[in-house]
């Protein structure tokens, strides 16, 4: 008396049946396809990682470019401010130079300056009093009487 499938007249070696062979072949084919798909998935994941890294690089470059543009704007603004300040300084320096020139130049109410009192007298000028005439300071008061270029 038999027990199970062998008792019912089934093949004592089920791995040799046609149906088993077909299922085994389908299983092997499916496993090979799965292995191929896993390799494709690994490759796709590698490409995805590479693409994500490139995106990160490009985003960093875009941020850097944006920072660079902002810095260029700041530099341009600062250059304009420096130019304005340079113009202001030049204007002030010109004003100071004009004031210094006006202070150094003799007043129009003074006589022309000569090398000596003799020349001043020869041209019709002379007798300058200390504290009254600015021309007094131009010449030497030899006798100390507070008068120069006297006749």
N, C-alpha and C. Protein backbone atom coordinates (compact mmCIF):
# COMPACT_ATOMS: atom_id res chain seq x y z
N UNK A 1 0.81 -1.16 0.00
CA UNK A 1 0.00 0.00 0.00
C UNK A 1 0.85 1.23 0.00
N UNK A 2 0.54 2.06 -0.85
CA UNK A 2 1.33 3.28 -0.98
C UNK A 2 0.69 4.44 -0.28
N UNK A 3 1.50 5.47 -0.13
CA UNK A 3 1.02 6.64 0.58
C UNK A 3 1.28 7.87 -0.27
N UNK A 4 0.41 8.81 -0.37
CA UNK A 4 0.60 10.08 -1.06
C UNK A 4 0.52 9.93 -2.56
N UNK A 5 1.31 10.75 -3.27
CA UNK A 5 1.25 10.82 -4.72
C UNK A 5 1.77 9.54 -5.34
N UNK A 6 2.77 8.91 -4.70
CA UNK A 6 3.31 7.68 -5.25
C UNK A 6 2.27 6.58 -5.24
N UNK A 7 1.40 6.61 -4.27
CA UNK A 7 0.37 5.59 -4.16
C UNK A 7 -0.67 5.79 -5.23
N UNK A 8 -0.86 6.99 -5.69
CA UNK A 8 -1.89 7.24 -6.68
C UNK A 8 -1.38 6.99 -8.08
N UNK A 9 -0.17 6.54 -8.21
CA UNK A 9 0.38 6.21 -9.51
C UNK A 9 1.17 7.36 -10.09
N UNK A 10 1.58 8.30 -9.24
CA UNK A 10 2.35 9.45 -9.71
C UNK A 10 3.78 9.02 -9.94
N UNK A 11 4.50 9.84 -10.69
CA UNK A 11 5.89 9.58 -11.00
C UNK A 11 6.72 9.65 -9.73
N UNK A 12 7.52 8.60 -9.45
CA UNK A 12 8.30 8.61 -8.21
C UNK A 12 9.39 9.68 -8.22
N UNK A 13 9.77 10.26 -9.32
CA UNK A 13 10.77 11.33 -9.42
C UNK A 13 10.12 12.56 -10.04
N UNK A 14 9.51 13.42 -9.21
CA UNK A 14 8.76 14.54 -9.77
C UNK A 14 9.65 15.55 -10.48
N UNK A 15 10.96 15.63 -10.20
CA UNK A 15 11.83 16.63 -10.83
C UNK A 15 12.06 16.30 -12.28
N UNK A 16 11.65 15.15 -12.73
CA UNK A 16 11.86 14.79 -14.12
C UNK A 16 10.60 14.95 -14.94
N UNK A 17 9.55 15.42 -14.33
CA UNK A 17 8.31 15.57 -15.10
C UNK A 17 8.42 16.79 -16.01
N UNK A 18 7.65 16.79 -17.06
CA UNK A 18 7.65 17.88 -18.03
C UNK A 18 7.14 19.16 -17.39
N UNK A 19 6.13 19.01 -16.59
CA UNK A 19 5.57 20.19 -15.93
C UNK A 19 6.61 20.82 -15.00
N UNK A 20 7.32 19.97 -14.27
CA UNK A 20 8.34 20.47 -13.35
C UNK A 20 9.45 21.16 -14.13
N UNK A 21 9.87 20.55 -15.21
CA UNK A 21 10.94 21.10 -16.04
C UNK A 21 10.52 22.46 -16.59
N UNK A 22 9.26 22.63 -16.98
CA UNK A 22 8.77 23.90 -17.53
C UNK A 22 8.77 24.96 -16.44
N UNK A 23 8.30 24.60 -15.24
CA UNK A 23 8.28 25.57 -14.13
C UNK A 23 9.71 25.93 -13.75
N UNK A 24 10.62 24.95 -13.73
CA UNK A 24 12.02 25.22 -13.38
C UNK A 24 12.65 26.14 -14.40
N UNK A 25 12.35 25.94 -15.67
CA UNK A 25 12.90 26.79 -16.73
C UNK A 25 12.35 28.21 -16.60
N UNK A 26 11.04 28.33 -16.32
CA UNK A 26 10.43 29.64 -16.13
C UNK A 26 11.05 30.33 -14.92
N UNK A 27 11.28 29.58 -13.85
CA UNK A 27 11.89 30.14 -12.64
C UNK A 27 13.31 30.61 -12.94
N UNK A 28 14.09 29.82 -13.65
CA UNK A 28 15.47 30.21 -13.99
C UNK A 28 15.46 31.45 -14.86
N UNK A 29 14.55 31.48 -15.82
CA UNK A 29 14.45 32.64 -16.70
C UNK A 29 14.05 33.89 -15.91
N UNK A 30 13.12 33.74 -14.99
CA UNK A 30 12.66 34.87 -14.16
C UNK A 30 13.79 35.35 -13.25
N UNK A 31 14.55 34.39 -12.67
CA UNK A 31 15.67 34.78 -11.82
C UNK A 31 16.74 35.51 -12.62
N UNK A 32 17.02 35.05 -13.84
CA UNK A 32 18.00 35.72 -14.69
C UNK A 32 17.51 37.12 -15.05
N UNK A 33 16.21 37.23 -15.35
CA UNK A 33 15.65 38.54 -15.66
C UNK A 33 15.74 39.45 -14.44
N UNK A 34 15.45 38.90 -13.23
CA UNK A 34 15.54 39.67 -12.00
C UNK A 34 16.98 40.15 -11.78
N UNK A 35 17.94 39.26 -12.00
CA UNK A 35 19.34 39.64 -11.84
C UNK A 35 19.71 40.77 -12.80
N UNK A 36 19.24 40.65 -14.04
CA UNK A 36 19.50 41.71 -15.02
C UNK A 36 18.86 43.03 -14.60
N UNK A 37 17.62 42.94 -14.10
CA UNK A 37 16.94 44.14 -13.65
C UNK A 37 17.63 44.77 -12.43
N UNK A 38 18.16 43.93 -11.54
CA UNK A 38 18.89 44.45 -10.38
C UNK A 38 20.15 45.18 -10.84
N UNK A 39 20.84 44.61 -11.84
CA UNK A 39 22.02 45.29 -12.39
C UNK A 39 21.63 46.62 -13.02
N UNK A 40 20.52 46.60 -13.78
CA UNK A 40 20.03 47.85 -14.39
C UNK A 40 19.67 48.87 -13.30
N UNK A 41 19.05 48.39 -12.22
CA UNK A 41 18.68 49.26 -11.12
C UNK A 41 19.92 49.86 -10.46
N UNK A 42 20.94 49.02 -10.24
CA UNK A 42 22.18 49.51 -9.65
C UNK A 42 22.82 50.58 -10.55
N UNK A 43 22.82 50.30 -11.85
CA UNK A 43 23.38 51.26 -12.80
C UNK A 43 22.57 52.56 -12.80
N UNK A 44 21.23 52.44 -12.79
CA UNK A 44 20.37 53.62 -12.76
C UNK A 44 20.58 54.41 -11.47
N UNK A 45 20.74 53.70 -10.35
CA UNK A 45 21.00 54.38 -9.08
C UNK A 45 22.32 55.14 -9.13
N UNK A 46 23.33 54.53 -9.75
CA UNK A 46 24.63 55.21 -9.91
C UNK A 46 24.50 56.46 -10.76
N UNK A 47 23.74 56.35 -11.86
CA UNK A 47 23.51 57.52 -12.72
C UNK A 47 22.73 58.60 -11.98
N UNK A 48 21.75 58.16 -11.18
CA UNK A 48 20.96 59.11 -10.39
C UNK A 48 21.85 59.84 -9.40
N UNK A 49 22.73 59.12 -8.73
CA UNK A 49 23.65 59.74 -7.77
C UNK A 49 24.55 60.74 -8.48
N UNK A 50 25.06 60.36 -9.65
CA UNK A 50 25.90 61.27 -10.44
C UNK A 50 25.11 62.52 -10.84
N UNK A 51 23.88 62.34 -11.27
CA UNK A 51 23.04 63.47 -11.66
C UNK A 51 22.74 64.37 -10.46
N UNK A 52 22.46 63.77 -9.31
CA UNK A 52 22.19 64.56 -8.10
C UNK A 52 23.43 65.35 -7.70
N UNK A 53 24.61 64.73 -7.80
CA UNK A 53 25.86 65.43 -7.49
C UNK A 53 26.06 66.62 -8.43
N UNK A 54 25.76 66.40 -9.72
CA UNK A 54 25.91 67.48 -10.71
C UNK A 54 24.92 68.62 -10.41
N UNK A 55 23.70 68.27 -10.03
CA UNK A 55 22.70 69.28 -9.67
C UNK A 55 23.20 70.10 -8.49
N UNK A 56 23.76 69.41 -7.50
CA UNK A 56 24.30 70.11 -6.32
C UNK A 56 25.42 71.07 -6.75
N UNK A 57 26.30 70.60 -7.63
CA UNK A 57 27.38 71.47 -8.13
C UNK A 57 26.82 72.68 -8.86
N UNK A 58 25.83 72.45 -9.72
CA UNK A 58 25.24 73.55 -10.49
C UNK A 58 24.51 74.54 -9.58
N UNK A 59 23.83 74.02 -8.57
CA UNK A 59 23.16 74.91 -7.63
C UNK A 59 24.18 75.75 -6.88
N UNK A 60 25.30 75.13 -6.49
CA UNK A 60 26.37 75.87 -5.80
C UNK A 60 26.95 76.92 -6.73
N UNK A 61 27.14 76.55 -8.00
CA UNK A 61 27.67 77.51 -8.97
C UNK A 61 26.69 78.65 -9.18
N UNK A 62 25.40 78.35 -9.24
CA UNK A 62 24.39 79.39 -9.40
C UNK A 62 24.39 80.32 -8.19
N UNK A 63 24.52 79.75 -7.01
CA UNK A 63 24.59 80.56 -5.79
C UNK A 63 25.83 81.44 -5.84
N UNK A 64 26.95 80.85 -6.25
CA UNK A 64 28.20 81.61 -6.36
C UNK A 64 28.05 82.71 -7.40
N UNK A 65 27.42 82.41 -8.53
CA UNK A 65 27.21 83.42 -9.56
C UNK A 65 26.31 84.53 -9.03
N UNK A 66 25.28 84.17 -8.29
CA UNK A 66 24.41 85.18 -7.69
C UNK A 66 25.16 86.03 -6.69
N UNK A 67 26.00 85.37 -5.87
CA UNK A 67 26.82 86.11 -4.91
C UNK A 67 27.79 87.03 -5.65
N UNK A 68 28.36 86.53 -6.73
CA UNK A 68 29.30 87.33 -7.52
C UNK A 68 28.60 88.55 -8.11
N UNK A 69 27.41 88.36 -8.63
CA UNK A 69 26.67 89.49 -9.20
C UNK A 69 26.36 90.52 -8.11
N UNK A 70 25.98 90.05 -6.95
CA UNK A 70 25.68 90.97 -5.84
C UNK A 70 26.95 91.71 -5.42
N UNK A 71 28.06 91.01 -5.37
CA UNK A 71 29.32 91.66 -5.00
C UNK A 71 29.75 92.66 -6.06
N UNK A 72 29.55 92.33 -7.34
CA UNK A 72 29.88 93.27 -8.40
C UNK A 72 29.05 94.54 -8.27
N UNK A 73 27.78 94.39 -7.91
CA UNK A 73 26.92 95.55 -7.70
C UNK A 73 27.44 96.38 -6.54
N UNK A 74 27.83 95.71 -5.45
CA UNK A 74 28.37 96.43 -4.30
C UNK A 74 29.65 97.17 -4.67
N UNK A 75 30.52 96.53 -5.44
CA UNK A 75 31.76 97.16 -5.86
C UNK A 75 31.46 98.39 -6.71
N UNK A 76 30.52 98.27 -7.63
CA UNK A 76 30.15 99.41 -8.48
C UNK A 76 29.61 100.56 -7.63
N UNK A 77 28.79 100.23 -6.65
CA UNK A 77 28.25 101.28 -5.77
C UNK A 77 29.36 101.95 -4.98
N UNK A 78 30.28 101.15 -4.48
CA UNK A 78 31.40 101.71 -3.71
C UNK A 78 32.31 102.55 -4.58
N UNK A 79 32.54 102.10 -5.82
CA UNK A 79 33.36 102.89 -6.74
C UNK A 79 32.71 104.23 -7.02
N UNK A 80 31.39 104.24 -7.18
CA UNK A 80 30.68 105.49 -7.41
C UNK A 80 30.80 106.40 -6.19
N UNK A 81 30.70 105.82 -4.99
CA UNK A 81 30.83 106.61 -3.77
C UNK A 81 32.24 107.19 -3.65
N UNK A 82 33.25 106.38 -4.00
CA UNK A 82 34.63 106.86 -3.95
C UNK A 82 34.81 107.99 -4.96
N UNK A 83 34.27 107.83 -6.15
CA UNK A 83 34.38 108.87 -7.18
C UNK A 83 33.74 110.17 -6.68
N UNK A 84 32.58 110.06 -6.05
CA UNK A 84 31.91 111.25 -5.51
C UNK A 84 32.77 111.90 -4.45
N UNK A 85 33.34 111.10 -3.58
CA UNK A 85 34.20 111.65 -2.52
C UNK A 85 35.45 112.29 -3.11
N UNK A 86 36.04 111.66 -4.13
CA UNK A 86 37.21 112.24 -4.77
C UNK A 86 36.87 113.60 -5.38
N UNK A 87 35.70 113.68 -6.01
CA UNK A 87 35.26 114.95 -6.59
C UNK A 87 35.08 116.00 -5.50
N UNK A 88 34.46 115.59 -4.38
CA UNK A 88 34.27 116.51 -3.27
C UNK A 88 35.61 117.00 -2.72
N UNK A 89 36.55 116.07 -2.56
CA UNK A 89 37.87 116.45 -2.05
C UNK A 89 38.56 117.41 -3.02
N UNK A 90 38.48 117.12 -4.31
CA UNK A 90 39.11 118.00 -5.30
C UNK A 90 38.49 119.39 -5.26
N UNK A 91 37.17 119.45 -5.12
CA UNK A 91 36.49 120.74 -5.02
C UNK A 91 36.97 121.50 -3.80
N UNK A 92 37.08 120.80 -2.68
CA UNK A 92 37.56 121.45 -1.46
C UNK A 92 39.00 121.90 -1.60
N UNK A 93 39.84 121.05 -2.20
CA UNK A 93 41.24 121.42 -2.39
C UNK A 93 41.35 122.64 -3.30
N UNK A 94 40.53 122.70 -4.33
CA UNK A 94 40.53 123.86 -5.22
C UNK A 94 40.13 125.12 -4.47
N UNK A 95 39.12 124.99 -3.59
CA UNK A 95 38.67 126.14 -2.80
C UNK A 95 39.76 126.61 -1.85
N UNK A 96 40.44 125.66 -1.20
CA UNK A 96 41.53 126.01 -0.28
C UNK A 96 42.66 126.68 -1.06
N UNK A 97 43.00 126.12 -2.21
CA UNK A 97 44.06 126.72 -3.03
C UNK A 97 43.70 128.14 -3.44
N UNK A 98 42.44 128.36 -3.79
CA UNK A 98 42.01 129.70 -4.18
C UNK A 98 42.10 130.66 -2.99
N UNK A 99 41.72 130.17 -1.80
CA UNK A 99 41.81 131.01 -0.60
C UNK A 99 43.27 131.32 -0.27
N UNK A 100 44.12 130.32 -0.39
CA UNK A 100 45.53 130.55 -0.12
C UNK A 100 46.13 131.53 -1.12
N UNK A 101 45.74 131.40 -2.38
CA UNK A 101 46.25 132.32 -3.40
C UNK A 101 45.76 133.74 -3.12
N UNK A 102 44.51 133.86 -2.71
CA UNK A 102 43.96 135.18 -2.41
C UNK A 102 44.66 135.78 -1.19
N UNK A 103 44.98 134.95 -0.21
CA UNK A 103 45.64 135.45 0.99
C UNK A 103 47.09 135.81 0.71
N UNK A 104 47.75 135.07 -0.18
CA UNK A 104 49.15 135.32 -0.49
C UNK A 104 49.33 136.50 -1.43
N UNK A 105 48.37 136.73 -2.29
CA UNK A 105 48.49 137.82 -3.26
C UNK A 105 48.28 139.15 -2.54
N UNK A 106 49.06 140.13 -2.88
CA UNK A 106 48.86 141.43 -2.26
C UNK A 106 47.52 142.01 -2.68
N UNK A 107 46.96 142.77 -1.80
CA UNK A 107 45.67 143.40 -2.10
C UNK A 107 45.86 144.35 -3.27
N UNK A 108 44.82 144.55 -4.01
CA UNK A 108 44.93 145.42 -5.19
C UNK A 108 45.22 146.88 -4.80
N UNK A 109 45.04 147.21 -3.53
CA UNK A 109 45.28 148.59 -3.09
C UNK A 109 46.74 148.83 -2.72
N UNK A 110 47.59 147.79 -2.87
CA UNK A 110 49.01 147.97 -2.55
C UNK A 110 49.78 148.38 -3.80
N UNK A 111 50.92 148.96 -3.53
CA UNK A 111 51.81 149.35 -4.64
C UNK A 111 52.52 148.12 -5.17
N UNK A 112 53.06 148.20 -6.39
CA UNK A 112 53.84 147.06 -6.90
C UNK A 112 55.08 146.85 -6.03
N UNK A 113 55.54 145.65 -6.01
CA UNK A 113 56.71 145.32 -5.19
C UNK A 113 57.97 145.46 -6.04
N UNK A 114 58.97 146.09 -5.46
CA UNK A 114 60.25 146.28 -6.14
C UNK A 114 61.33 145.60 -5.34
N UNK A 115 62.47 145.40 -5.96
CA UNK A 115 63.58 144.74 -5.28
C UNK A 115 64.19 145.59 -4.17
N UNK A 116 64.18 146.89 -4.35
CA UNK A 116 64.76 147.80 -3.35
C UNK A 116 63.90 149.05 -3.25
N UNK A 117 64.13 149.81 -2.15
CA UNK A 117 63.42 151.08 -1.98
C UNK A 117 63.83 152.07 -3.07
N UNK A 118 65.09 152.00 -3.49
CA UNK A 118 65.58 152.91 -4.54
C UNK A 118 64.74 152.74 -5.80
N UNK A 119 64.44 151.47 -6.17
CA UNK A 119 63.62 151.21 -7.35
C UNK A 119 62.20 151.71 -7.13
N UNK A 120 61.66 151.50 -5.91
CA UNK A 120 60.30 151.96 -5.62
C UNK A 120 60.22 153.47 -5.76
N UNK A 121 61.21 154.19 -5.20
CA UNK A 121 61.21 155.66 -5.29
C UNK A 121 61.39 156.12 -6.73
N UNK A 122 62.21 155.41 -7.49
CA UNK A 122 62.45 155.79 -8.88
C UNK A 122 61.18 155.65 -9.72
N UNK A 123 60.25 154.80 -9.27
CA UNK A 123 58.99 154.61 -10.00
C UNK A 123 57.85 155.39 -9.37
N UNK A 124 58.17 156.27 -8.48
CA UNK A 124 57.14 157.14 -7.91
C UNK A 124 56.45 156.60 -6.68
N UNK A 125 56.98 155.56 -6.06
CA UNK A 125 56.37 154.98 -4.87
C UNK A 125 57.30 155.21 -3.69
N UNK A 126 56.73 155.12 -2.51
CA UNK A 126 57.61 155.19 -1.36
C UNK A 126 56.99 155.82 -0.13
N UNK A 127 57.81 155.81 0.87
CA UNK A 127 57.50 156.16 2.24
C UNK A 127 56.30 155.35 2.72
N UNK A 128 56.68 154.21 3.27
CA UNK A 128 55.69 153.29 3.83
C UNK A 128 55.86 153.27 5.34
N UNK A 129 54.75 153.35 6.06
CA UNK A 129 54.77 153.46 7.51
C UNK A 129 54.41 152.11 8.12
N UNK A 130 55.17 151.72 9.17
CA UNK A 130 54.95 150.46 9.88
C UNK A 130 53.56 150.47 10.51
N UNK A 131 52.79 149.37 10.30
CA UNK A 131 51.46 149.24 10.88
C UNK A 131 50.38 149.92 10.06
N UNK A 132 50.76 150.69 9.06
CA UNK A 132 49.78 151.39 8.22
C UNK A 132 49.81 150.83 6.80
N UNK A 133 51.01 150.75 6.25
CA UNK A 133 51.17 150.30 4.87
C UNK A 133 51.70 148.87 4.83
N UNK A 134 51.01 147.96 4.12
CA UNK A 134 51.51 146.59 4.04
C UNK A 134 52.86 146.53 3.33
N UNK A 135 53.15 147.51 2.49
CA UNK A 135 54.41 147.52 1.75
C UNK A 135 55.62 147.68 2.69
N UNK A 136 55.39 148.21 3.89
CA UNK A 136 56.48 148.42 4.86
C UNK A 136 57.26 147.12 5.08
N UNK A 137 56.53 146.00 5.15
CA UNK A 137 57.16 144.71 5.43
C UNK A 137 58.02 144.19 4.28
N UNK A 138 57.92 144.78 3.11
CA UNK A 138 58.67 144.32 1.96
C UNK A 138 60.11 144.83 1.97
N UNK A 139 60.35 145.90 2.71
CA UNK A 139 61.65 146.57 2.64
C UNK A 139 62.29 146.64 4.02
N UNK A 140 63.62 146.88 4.05
CA UNK A 140 64.38 146.94 5.30
C UNK A 140 64.34 148.36 5.86
N UNK A 141 64.02 148.42 7.18
CA UNK A 141 64.00 149.73 7.87
C UNK A 141 65.37 149.89 8.52
N UNK A 142 66.31 150.47 7.78
CA UNK A 142 67.71 150.56 8.22
C UNK A 142 67.88 151.42 9.48
N UNK A 143 67.11 152.49 9.58
CA UNK A 143 67.30 153.37 10.75
C UNK A 143 66.32 153.09 11.88
N UNK A 144 65.39 152.13 11.67
CA UNK A 144 64.48 151.71 12.72
C UNK A 144 63.46 152.75 13.13
N UNK A 145 63.13 153.71 12.28
CA UNK A 145 62.19 154.76 12.64
C UNK A 145 60.75 154.44 12.29
N UNK A 146 60.48 153.22 11.78
CA UNK A 146 59.11 152.82 11.44
C UNK A 146 58.66 153.29 10.07
N UNK A 147 59.65 153.76 9.28
CA UNK A 147 59.36 154.24 7.92
C UNK A 147 60.41 153.66 6.98
N UNK A 148 59.95 153.25 5.77
CA UNK A 148 60.87 152.75 4.77
C UNK A 148 60.63 153.48 3.47
N UNK A 149 61.63 153.42 2.60
CA UNK A 149 61.58 154.04 1.28
C UNK A 149 61.28 155.54 1.37
N UNK A 150 61.82 156.17 2.42
CA UNK A 150 61.61 157.62 2.55
C UNK A 150 62.62 158.34 1.67
N UNK A 151 62.25 159.57 1.21
CA UNK A 151 63.16 160.30 0.31
C UNK A 151 64.43 160.77 1.01
